[in-house]
Amino acid sequence: MNGYAAYPVKRGLGWWCMLRLARDARPHPVMEKGAKPKVFNSAGEAWEEAAKHLLAYMNGHEIRGERFDGRSTYRDEVDRVFFQPRPAEGERKAVRA
């Protein structure tokens, strides 16, 4: 569902580099200028491009609510606001009824 993927795909006489980002429902090829998919001579070249683009995305596009360690930033904020740590047994104040 909210996964990332980057991989080469054999297309005709060359290789395409495909990227799938969490915001997209399906993978898209890396494009050249002119809105045409970039064609590579070997799978290795396509893998290098895939790694470069995926790393650039993860290092440069911080999106609200998205973290790359699998945890939601919304959950962290909710925990911080509503679930305050409780004091230890010895630190609790006596309350009269």
PDB file of N, CA and C in Angstrom:
ATOM      1  N   MET A   1       0.829  -1.171   0.000  1.00  0.00           N
ATOM      2  CA  MET A   1       0.000   0.000   0.000  1.00  0.00           C
ATOM      3  C   MET A   1       0.885   1.250   0.000  1.00  0.00           C
ATOM      4  N   ASN A   2       1.495   1.596   1.101  1.00  0.00           N
ATOM      5  CA  ASN A   2       2.357   2.769   1.156  1.00  0.00           C
ATOM      6  C   ASN A   2       3.808   2.351   1.016  1.00  0.00           C
ATOM      7  N   GLY A   3       4.096   1.659  -0.053  1.00  0.00           N
ATOM      8  CA  GLY A   3       5.441   1.155  -0.271  1.00  0.00           C
ATOM      9  C   GLY A   3       6.185   1.964  -1.308  1.00  0.00           C
ATOM     10  N   TYR A   4       7.479   1.778  -1.318  1.00  0.00           N
ATOM     11  CA  TYR A   4       8.359   2.399  -2.298  1.00  0.00           C
ATOM     12  C   TYR A   4       9.036   1.286  -3.073  1.00  0.00           C
ATOM     13  N   ALA A   5       9.241   1.522  -4.352  1.00  0.00           N
ATOM     14  CA  ALA A   5       9.920   0.529  -5.174  1.00  0.00           C
ATOM     15  C   ALA A   5      10.656   1.237  -6.293  1.00  0.00           C
ATOM     16  N   ALA A   6      11.778   0.657  -6.697  1.00  0.00           N
ATOM     17  CA  ALA A   6      12.550   1.146  -7.835  1.00  0.00           C
ATOM     18  C   ALA A   6      13.208  -0.075  -8.464  1.00  0.00           C
ATOM     19  N   TYR A   7      13.006  -0.255  -9.761  1.00  0.00           N
ATOM     20  CA  TYR A   7      13.512  -1.460 -10.415  1.00  0.00           C
ATOM     21  C   TYR A   7      13.586  -1.242 -11.927  1.00  0.00           C
ATOM     22  N   PRO A   8      14.438  -2.017 -12.614  1.00  0.00           N
ATOM     23  CA  PRO A   8      14.500  -1.933 -14.076  1.00  0.00           C
ATOM     24  C   PRO A   8      13.494  -2.896 -14.715  1.00  0.00           C
ATOM     25  N   VAL A   9      13.031  -2.529 -15.904  1.00  0.00           N
ATOM     26  CA  VAL A   9      12.095  -3.351 -16.665  1.00  0.00           C
ATOM     27  C   VAL A   9      12.591  -3.407 -18.112  1.00  0.00           C
ATOM     28  N   LYS A  10      12.647  -4.605 -18.678  1.00  0.00           N
ATOM     29  CA  LYS A  10      13.064  -4.776 -20.070  1.00  0.00           C
ATOM     30  C   LYS A  10      11.922  -4.331 -20.981  1.00  0.00           C
ATOM     31  N   ARG A  11      12.187  -3.362 -21.859  1.00  0.00           N
ATOM     32  CA  ARG A  11      11.191  -2.855 -22.804  1.00  0.00           C
ATOM     33  C   ARG A  11      11.839  -2.762 -24.185  1.00  0.00           C
ATOM     34  N   GLY A  12      11.423  -3.598 -25.072  1.00  0.00           N
ATOM     35  CA  GLY A  12      11.965  -3.553 -26.429  1.00  0.00           C
ATOM     36  C   GLY A  12      13.450  -3.846 -26.445  1.00  0.00           C
ATOM     37  N   LEU A  13      14.223  -2.911 -26.987  1.00  0.00           N
ATOM     38  CA  LEU A  13      15.672  -3.089 -27.098  1.00  0.00           C
ATOM     39  C   LEU A  13      16.446  -2.493 -25.923  1.00  0.00           C
ATOM     40  N   GLY A  14      15.758  -1.925 -24.976  1.00  0.00           N
ATOM     41  CA  GLY A  14      16.451  -1.308 -23.849  1.00  0.00           C
ATOM     42  C   GLY A  14      15.751  -1.601 -22.531  1.00  0.00           C
ATOM     43  N   TRP A  15      16.165  -0.863 -21.514  1.00  0.00           N
ATOM     44  CA  TRP A  15      15.643  -1.017 -20.156  1.00  0.00           C
ATOM     45  C   TRP A  15      15.052   0.303 -19.690  1.00  0.00           C
ATOM     46  N   TRP A  16      13.934   0.240 -18.992  1.00  0.00           N
ATOM     47  CA  TRP A  16      13.340   1.402 -18.345  1.00  0.00           C
ATOM     48  C   TRP A  16      13.597   1.300 -16.849  1.00  0.00           C
ATOM     49  N   CYS A  17      13.698   2.450 -16.206  1.00  0.00           N
ATOM     50  CA  CYS A  17      13.797   2.530 -14.744  1.00  0.00           C
ATOM     51  C   CYS A  17      12.417   2.907 -14.223  1.00  0.00           C
ATOM     52  N   MET A  18      11.823   2.048 -13.407  1.00  0.00           N
ATOM     53  CA  MET A  18      10.487   2.294 -12.873  1.00  0.00           C
ATOM     54  C   MET A  18      10.581   2.701 -11.394  1.00  0.00           C
ATOM     55  N   LEU A  19       9.788   3.709 -11.018  1.00  0.00           N
ATOM     56  CA  LEU A  19       9.731   4.177  -9.628  1.00  0.00           C
ATOM     57  C   LEU A  19       8.295   4.145  -9.149  1.00  0.00           C
ATOM     58  N   ARG A  20       8.091   3.597  -7.969  1.00  0.00           N
ATOM     59  CA  ARG A  20       6.787   3.655  -7.322  1.00  0.00           C
ATOM     60  C   ARG A  20       6.957   4.338  -5.979  1.00  0.00           C
ATOM     61  N   LEU A  21       6.237   5.438  -5.801  1.00  0.00           N
ATOM     62  CA  LEU A  21       6.286   6.191  -4.557  1.00  0.00           C
ATOM     63  C   LEU A  21       4.983   5.975  -3.800  1.00  0.00           C
ATOM     64  N   ALA A  22       4.996   6.222  -2.505  1.00  0.00           N
ATOM     65  CA  ALA A  22       3.824   5.957  -1.668  1.00  0.00           C
ATOM     66  C   ALA A  22       2.624   6.778  -2.106  1.00  0.00           C
ATOM     67  N   ARG A  23       2.837   7.948  -2.637  1.00  0.00           N
ATOM     68  CA  ARG A  23       1.705   8.790  -3.041  1.00  0.00           C
ATOM     69  C   ARG A  23       1.056   8.332  -4.336  1.00  0.00           C
ATOM     70  N   ASP A  24       1.725   7.463  -5.095  1.00  0.00           N
ATOM     71  CA  ASP A  24       1.209   6.963  -6.365  1.00  0.00           C
ATOM     72  C   ASP A  24       0.649   5.561  -6.186  1.00  0.00           C
ATOM     73  N   ALA A  25      -0.321   5.225  -6.997  1.00  0.00           N
ATOM     74  CA  ALA A  25      -0.918   3.899  -6.912  1.00  0.00           C
ATOM     75  C   ALA A  25      -0.169   2.879  -7.764  1.00  0.00           C
ATOM     76  N   ARG A  26       0.667   3.335  -8.679  1.00  0.00           N
ATOM     77  CA  ARG A  26       1.375   2.414  -9.563  1.00  0.00           C
ATOM     78  C   ARG A  26       2.739   2.999  -9.931  1.00  0.00           C
ATOM     79  N   PRO A  27       3.651   2.172 -10.430  1.00  0.00           N
ATOM     80  CA  PRO A  27       4.974   2.674 -10.800  1.00  0.00           C
ATOM     81  C   PRO A  27       4.930   3.490 -12.096  1.00  0.00           C
ATOM     82  N   HIS A  28       5.871   4.422 -12.195  1.00  0.00           N
ATOM     83  CA  HIS A  28       6.012   5.263 -13.386  1.00  0.00           C
ATOM     84  C   HIS A  28       7.460   5.200 -13.857  1.00  0.00           C
ATOM     85  N   PRO A  29       7.693   5.278 -15.170  1.00  0.00           N
ATOM     86  CA  PRO A  29       9.071   5.277 -15.652  1.00  0.00           C
ATOM     87  C   PRO A  29       9.741   6.628 -15.410  1.00  0.00           C
ATOM     88  N   VAL A  30      11.062   6.605 -15.286  1.00  0.00           N
ATOM     89  CA  VAL A  30      11.836   7.846 -15.228  1.00  0.00           C
ATOM     90  C   VAL A  30      11.780   8.450 -16.627  1.00  0.00           C
ATOM     91  N   MET A  31      11.435   9.730 -16.706  1.00  0.00           N
ATOM     92  CA  MET A  31      11.200  10.365 -17.996  1.00  0.00           C
ATOM     93  C   MET A  31      12.370  11.229 -18.442  1.00  0.00           C
ATOM     94  N   GLU A  32      12.543  11.300 -19.765  1.00  0.00           N
ATOM     95  CA  GLU A  32      13.488  12.231 -20.382  1.00  0.00           C
ATOM     96  C   GLU A  32      12.749  13.529 -20.664  1.00  0.00           C
ATOM     97  N   LYS A  33      13.486  14.521 -21.138  1.00  0.00           N
ATOM     98  CA  LYS A  33      12.824  15.738 -21.590  1.00  0.00           C
ATOM     99  C   LYS A  33      11.998  15.386 -22.819  1.00  0.00           C
ATOM    100  N   GLY A  34      10.829  15.951 -22.912  1.00  0.00           N
ATOM    101  CA  GLY A  34       9.942  15.630 -24.016  1.00  0.00           C
ATOM    102  C   GLY A  34       8.921  14.575 -23.649  1.00  0.00           C
ATOM    103  N   ALA A  35       8.803  14.258 -22.371  1.00  0.00           N
ATOM    104  CA  ALA A  35       7.806  13.307 -21.855  1.00  0.00           C
ATOM    105  C   ALA A  35       7.915  11.928 -22.485  1.00  0.00           C
ATOM    106  N   LYS A  36       9.132  11.451 -22.674  1.00  0.00           N
ATOM    107  CA  LYS A  36       9.354  10.094 -23.166  1.00  0.00           C
ATOM    108  C   LYS A  36      10.141   9.332 -22.109  1.00  0.00           C
ATOM    109  N   PRO A  37       9.836   8.056 -21.887  1.00  0.00           N
ATOM    110  CA  PRO A  37      10.601   7.281 -20.906  1.00  0.00           C
ATOM    111  C   PRO A  37      12.078   7.184 -21.297  1.00  0.00           C
ATOM    112  N   LYS A  38      12.935   7.331 -20.309  1.00  0.00           N
ATOM    113  CA  LYS A  38      14.371   7.241 -20.539  1.00  0.00           C
ATOM    114  C   LYS A  38      14.749   5.774 -20.737  1.00  0.00           C
ATOM    115  N   VAL A  39      15.465   5.470 -21.824  1.00  0.00           N
ATOM    116  CA  VAL A  39      15.841   4.095 -22.161  1.00  0.00           C
ATOM    117  C   VAL A  39      17.322   3.899 -21.852  1.00  0.00           C
ATOM    118  N   PHE A  40      17.638   2.795 -21.146  1.00  0.00           N
ATOM    119  CA  PHE A  40      19.008   2.482 -20.762  1.00  0.00           C
ATOM    120  C   PHE A  40      19.492   1.274 -21.544  1.00  0.00           C
ATOM    121  N   ASN A  41      20.806   1.184 -21.744  1.00  0.00           N
ATOM    122  CA  ASN A  41      21.396   0.083 -22.508  1.00  0.00           C
ATOM    123  C   ASN A  41      21.472  -1.215 -21.725  1.00  0.00           C
ATOM    124  N   SER A  42      21.548  -1.125 -20.401  1.00  0.00           N
ATOM    125  CA  SER A  42      21.680  -2.337 -19.585  1.00  0.00           C
ATOM    126  C   SER A  42      20.840  -2.210 -18.316  1.00  0.00           C
ATOM    127  N   ALA A  43      20.599  -3.356 -17.702  1.00  0.00           N
ATOM    128  CA  ALA A  43      19.852  -3.356 -16.444  1.00  0.00           C
ATOM    129  C   ALA A  43      20.642  -2.652 -15.353  1.00  0.00           C
ATOM    130  N   GLY A  44      21.965  -2.764 -15.382  1.00  0.00           N
ATOM    131  CA  GLY A  44      22.803  -2.103 -14.383  1.00  0.00           C
ATOM    132  C   GLY A  44      22.665  -0.594 -14.416  1.00  0.00           C
ATOM    133  N   GLU A  45      22.631  -0.020 -15.612  1.00  0.00           N
ATOM    134  CA  GLU A  45      22.445   1.430 -15.731  1.00  0.00           C
ATOM    135  C   GLU A  45      21.071   1.839 -15.193  1.00  0.00           C
ATOM    136  N   ALA A  46      20.064   1.031 -15.487  1.00  0.00           N
ATOM    137  CA  ALA A  46      18.716   1.334 -14.991  1.00  0.00           C
ATOM    138  C   ALA A  46      18.661   1.219 -13.466  1.00  0.00           C
ATOM    139  N   TRP A  47      19.356   0.214 -12.886  1.00  0.00           N
ATOM    140  CA  TRP A  47      19.403   0.079 -11.414  1.00  0.00           C
ATOM    141  C   TRP A  47      20.071   1.296 -10.786  1.00  0.00           C
ATOM    142  N   GLU A  48      21.172   1.771 -11.396  1.00  0.00           N
ATOM    143  CA  GLU A  48      21.856   2.952 -10.860  1.00  0.00           C
ATOM    144  C   GLU A  48      20.930   4.164 -10.857  1.00  0.00           C
ATOM    145  N   GLU A  49      20.207   4.349 -11.946  1.00  0.00           N
ATOM    146  CA  GLU A  49      19.267   5.471 -12.031  1.00  0.00           C
ATOM    147  C   GLU A  49      18.139   5.311 -11.010  1.00  0.00           C
ATOM    148  N   ALA A  50      17.655   4.085 -10.830  1.00  0.00           N
ATOM    149  CA  ALA A  50      16.595   3.823  -9.850  1.00  0.00           C
ATOM    150  C   ALA A  50      17.058   4.184  -8.443  1.00  0.00           C
ATOM    151  N   ALA A  51      18.256   3.743  -8.092  1.00  0.00           N
ATOM    152  CA  ALA A  51      18.793   4.050  -6.761  1.00  0.00           C
ATOM    153  C   ALA A  51      18.978   5.544  -6.576  1.00  0.00           C
ATOM    154  N   LYS A  52      19.485   6.211  -7.605  1.00  0.00           N
ATOM    155  CA  LYS A  52      19.711   7.655  -7.529  1.00  0.00           C
ATOM    156  C   LYS A  52      18.400   8.408  -7.311  1.00  0.00           C
ATOM    157  N   HIS A  53      17.371   8.075  -8.068  1.00  0.00           N
ATOM    158  CA  HIS A  53      16.098   8.789  -7.962  1.00  0.00           C
ATOM    159  C   HIS A  53      15.374   8.474  -6.657  1.00  0.00           C
ATOM    160  N   LEU A  54      15.390   7.233  -6.228  1.00  0.00           N
ATOM    161  CA  LEU A  54      14.710   6.876  -4.976  1.00  0.00           C
ATOM    162  C   LEU A  54      15.388   7.538  -3.785  1.00  0.00           C
ATOM    163  N   LEU A  55      16.708   7.544  -3.770  1.00  0.00           N
ATOM    164  CA  LEU A  55      17.445   8.184  -2.681  1.00  0.00           C
ATOM    165  C   LEU A  55      17.218   9.695  -2.684  1.00  0.00           C
ATOM    166  N   ALA A  56      17.227  10.302  -3.864  1.00  0.00           N
ATOM    167  CA  ALA A  56      16.971  11.744  -3.958  1.00  0.00           C
ATOM    168  C   ALA A  56      15.578  12.082  -3.451  1.00  0.00           C
ATOM    169  N   TYR A  57      14.601  11.238  -3.766  1.00  0.00           N
ATOM    170  CA  TYR A  57      13.240  11.484  -3.283  1.00  0.00           C
ATOM    171  C   TYR A  57      13.181  11.399  -1.761  1.00  0.00           C
ATOM    172  N   MET A  58      13.752  10.347  -1.200  1.00  0.00           N
ATOM    173  CA  MET A  58      13.677  10.166   0.247  1.00  0.00           C
ATOM    174  C   MET A  58      14.470  11.225   1.005  1.00  0.00           C
ATOM    175  N   ASN A  59      15.518  11.750   0.431  1.00  0.00           N
ATOM    176  CA  ASN A  59      16.318  12.774   1.098  1.00  0.00           C
ATOM    177  C   ASN A  59      15.776  14.177   0.883  1.00  0.00           C
ATOM    178  N   GLY A  60      14.959  14.381  -0.140  1.00  0.00           N
ATOM    179  CA  GLY A  60      14.573  15.745  -0.467  1.00  0.00           C
ATOM    180  C   GLY A  60      13.105  16.076  -0.385  1.00  0.00           C
ATOM    181  N   HIS A  61      12.234  15.092  -0.179  1.00  0.00           N
ATOM    182  CA  HIS A  61      10.800  15.353  -0.175  1.00  0.00           C
ATOM    183  C   HIS A  61      10.196  14.890   1.133  1.00  0.00           C
ATOM    184  N   GLU A  62      10.152  15.787   2.099  1.00  0.00           N
ATOM    185  CA  GLU A  62       9.533  15.453   3.370  1.00  0.00           C
ATOM    186  C   GLU A  62       8.057  15.814   3.269  1.00  0.00           C
ATOM    187  N   ILE A  63       7.204  14.834   3.458  1.00  0.00           N
ATOM    188  CA  ILE A  63       5.772  15.031   3.313  1.00  0.00           C
ATOM    189  C   ILE A  63       5.131  14.846   4.676  1.00  0.00           C
ATOM    190  N   ARG A  64       4.188  15.701   5.025  1.00  0.00           N
ATOM    191  CA  ARG A  64       3.545  15.611   6.327  1.00  0.00           C
ATOM    192  C   ARG A  64       2.857  14.265   6.481  1.00  0.00           C
ATOM    193  N   GLY A  65       3.116  13.613   7.572  1.00  0.00           N
ATOM    194  CA  GLY A  65       2.486  12.342   7.862  1.00  0.00           C
ATOM    195  C   GLY A  65       3.225  11.150   7.281  1.00  0.00           C
ATOM    196  N   GLU A  66       4.378  11.368   6.680  1.00  0.00           N
ATOM    197  CA  GLU A  66       5.101  10.268   6.051  1.00  0.00           C
ATOM    198  C   GLU A  66       6.514  10.201   6.608  1.00  0.00           C
ATOM    199  N   ARG A  67       6.862   9.056   7.176  1.00  0.00           N
ATOM    200  CA  ARG A  67       8.217   8.830   7.649  1.00  0.00           C
ATOM    201  C   ARG A  67       8.720   7.548   7.026  1.00  0.00           C
ATOM    202  N   PHE A  68      10.005   7.429   6.871  1.00  0.00           N
ATOM    203  CA  PHE A  68      10.560   6.289   6.164  1.00  0.00           C
ATOM    204  C   PHE A  68      10.929   5.137   7.083  1.00  0.00           C
ATOM    205  N   ASP A  69      10.623   5.256   8.368  1.00  0.00           N
ATOM    206  CA  ASP A  69      10.870   4.133   9.276  1.00  0.00           C
ATOM    207  C   ASP A  69       9.581   3.381   9.593  1.00  0.00           C
ATOM    208  N   GLY A  70       8.501   3.693   8.893  1.00  0.00           N
ATOM    209  CA  GLY A  70       7.264   2.954   9.039  1.00  0.00           C
ATOM    210  C   GLY A  70       6.302   3.496  10.075  1.00  0.00           C
ATOM    211  N   ARG A  71       6.675   4.530  10.816  1.00  0.00           N
ATOM    212  CA  ARG A  71       5.788   5.104  11.826  1.00  0.00           C
ATOM    213  C   ARG A  71       5.172   6.388  11.294  1.00  0.00           C
ATOM    214  N   SER A  72       3.994   6.696  11.743  1.00  0.00           N
ATOM    215  CA  SER A  72       3.293   7.898  11.313  1.00  0.00           C
ATOM    216  C   SER A  72       3.654   9.067  12.218  1.00  0.00           C
ATOM    217  N   THR A  73       3.862  10.238  11.635  1.00  0.00           N
ATOM    218  CA  THR A  73       4.117  11.423  12.448  1.00  0.00           C
ATOM    219  C   THR A  73       2.845  11.858  13.155  1.00  0.00           C
ATOM    220  N   TYR A  74       1.678  11.540  12.581  1.00  0.00           N
ATOM    221  CA  TYR A  74       0.427  11.868  13.256  1.00  0.00           C
ATOM    222  C   TYR A  74       0.326  11.121  14.581  1.00  0.00           C
ATOM    223  N   ARG A  75       0.718   9.867  14.581  1.00  0.00           N
ATOM    224  CA  ARG A  75       0.645   9.060  15.809  1.00  0.00           C
ATOM    225  C   ARG A  75       1.562   9.637  16.879  1.00  0.00           C
ATOM    226  N   ASP A  76       2.744  10.081  16.494  1.00  0.00           N
ATOM    227  CA  ASP A  76       3.659  10.692  17.455  1.00  0.00           C
ATOM    228  C   ASP A  76       3.044  11.943  18.072  1.00  0.00           C
ATOM    229  N   GLU A  77       2.370  12.741  17.259  1.00  0.00           N
ATOM    230  CA  GLU A  77       1.763  13.966  17.767  1.00  0.00           C
ATOM    231  C   GLU A  77       0.601  13.650  18.710  1.00  0.00           C
ATOM    232  N   VAL A  78      -0.200  12.666  18.350  1.00  0.00           N
ATOM    233  CA  VAL A  78      -1.316  12.259  19.211  1.00  0.00           C
ATOM    234  C   VAL A  78      -0.790  11.739  20.537  1.00  0.00           C
ATOM    235  N   ASP A  79       0.244  10.900  20.500  1.00  0.00           N
ATOM    236  CA  ASP A  79       0.834  10.384  21.735  1.00  0.00           C
ATOM    237  C   ASP A  79       1.367  11.511  22.606  1.00  0.00           C
ATOM    238  N   ARG A  80       1.981  12.500  22.009  1.00  0.00           N
ATOM    239  CA  ARG A  80       2.557  13.609  22.763  1.00  0.00           C
ATOM    240  C   ARG A  80       1.465  14.436  23.441  1.00  0.00           C
ATOM    241  N   VAL A  81       0.346  14.661  22.761  1.00  0.00           N
ATOM    242  CA  VAL A  81      -0.712  15.517  23.297  1.00  0.00           C
ATOM    243  C   VAL A  81      -1.585  14.790  24.320  1.00  0.00           C
ATOM    244  N   PHE A  82      -2.008  13.564  24.003  1.00  0.00           N
ATOM    245  CA  PHE A  82      -3.009  12.899  24.835  1.00  0.00           C
ATOM    246  C   PHE A  82      -2.456  11.884  25.824  1.00  0.00           C
ATOM    247  N   PHE A  83      -1.311  11.348  25.588  1.00  0.00           N
ATOM    248  CA  PHE A  83      -0.781  10.302  26.454  1.00  0.00           C
ATOM    249  C   PHE A  83       0.489  10.777  27.143  1.00  0.00           C
ATOM    250  N   GLN A  84       0.281  11.569  28.182  1.00  0.00           N
ATOM    251  CA  GLN A  84       1.402  12.076  28.948  1.00  0.00           C
ATOM    252  C   GLN A  84       1.950  10.947  29.818  1.00  0.00           C
ATOM    253  N   PRO A  85       3.244  10.886  30.000  1.00  0.00           N
ATOM    254  CA  PRO A  85       3.785   9.834  30.859  1.00  0.00           C
ATOM    255  C   PRO A  85       3.286  10.008  32.296  1.00  0.00           C
ATOM    256  N   ARG A  86       2.944   8.902  32.924  1.00  0.00           N
ATOM    257  CA  ARG A  86       2.452   8.938  34.299  1.00  0.00           C
ATOM    258  C   ARG A  86       3.632   8.987  35.263  1.00  0.00           C
ATOM    259  N   PRO A  87       3.445   9.691  36.373  1.00  0.00           N
ATOM    260  CA  PRO A  87       4.527   9.725  37.363  1.00  0.00           C
ATOM    261  C   PRO A  87       4.683   8.363  38.034  1.00  0.00           C
ATOM    262  N   ALA A  88       5.865   8.118  38.544  1.00  0.00           N
ATOM    263  CA  ALA A  88       6.131   6.864  39.249  1.00  0.00           C
ATOM    264  C   ALA A  88       5.290   6.810  40.521  1.00  0.00           C
ATOM    265  N   GLU A  89       5.129   5.613  41.090  1.00  0.00           N
ATOM    266  CA  GLU A  89       4.281   5.411  42.270  1.00  0.00           C
ATOM    267  C   GLU A  89       4.638   6.365  43.411  1.00  0.00           C
ATOM    268  N   GLY A  90       5.911   6.580  43.649  1.00  0.00           N
ATOM    269  CA  GLY A  90       6.331   7.429  44.755  1.00  0.00           C
ATOM    270  C   GLY A  90       6.104   8.906  44.498  1.00  0.00           C
ATOM    271  N   GLU A  91       5.892   9.296  43.268  1.00  0.00           N
ATOM    272  CA  GLU A  91       5.746  10.701  42.913  1.00  0.00           C
ATOM    273  C   GLU A  91       4.298  11.159  42.842  1.00  0.00           C
ATOM    274  N   ARG A  92       3.346  10.234  42.949  1.00  0.00           N
ATOM    275  CA  ARG A  92       1.946  10.601  42.861  1.00  0.00           C
ATOM    276  C   ARG A  92       1.515  11.392  44.099  1.00  0.00           C
ATOM    277  N   LYS A  93       0.662  12.366  43.892  1.00  0.00           N
ATOM    278  CA  LYS A  93       0.151  13.171  44.988  1.00  0.00           C
ATOM    279  C   LYS A  93      -1.090  12.503  45.542  1.00  0.00           C
ATOM    280  N   ALA A  94      -1.262  12.619  46.841  1.00  0.00           N
ATOM    281  CA  ALA A  94      -2.447  12.061  47.495  1.00  0.00           C
ATOM    282  C   ALA A  94      -3.617  12.975  47.189  1.00  0.00           C
ATOM    283  N   VAL A  95      -4.738  12.372  46.853  1.00  0.00           N
ATOM    284  CA  VAL A  95      -5.945  13.138  46.533  1.00  0.00           C
ATOM    285  C   VAL A  95      -7.009  12.762  47.559  1.00  0.00           C
ATOM    286  N   ARG A  96      -7.612  13.788  48.173  1.00  0.00           N
ATOM    287  CA  ARG A  96      -8.661  13.535  49.162  1.00  0.00           C
ATOM    288  C   ARG A  96      -9.993  13.375  48.443  1.00  0.00           C
ATOM    289  N   ALA A  97     -10.764  12.442  48.914  1.00  0.00           N
ATOM    290  CA  ALA A  97     -12.072  12.197  48.305  1.00  0.00           C
ATOM    291  C   ALA A  97     -13.133  13.018  48.954  1.00  0.00           C
TER     292      ALA A  97
END
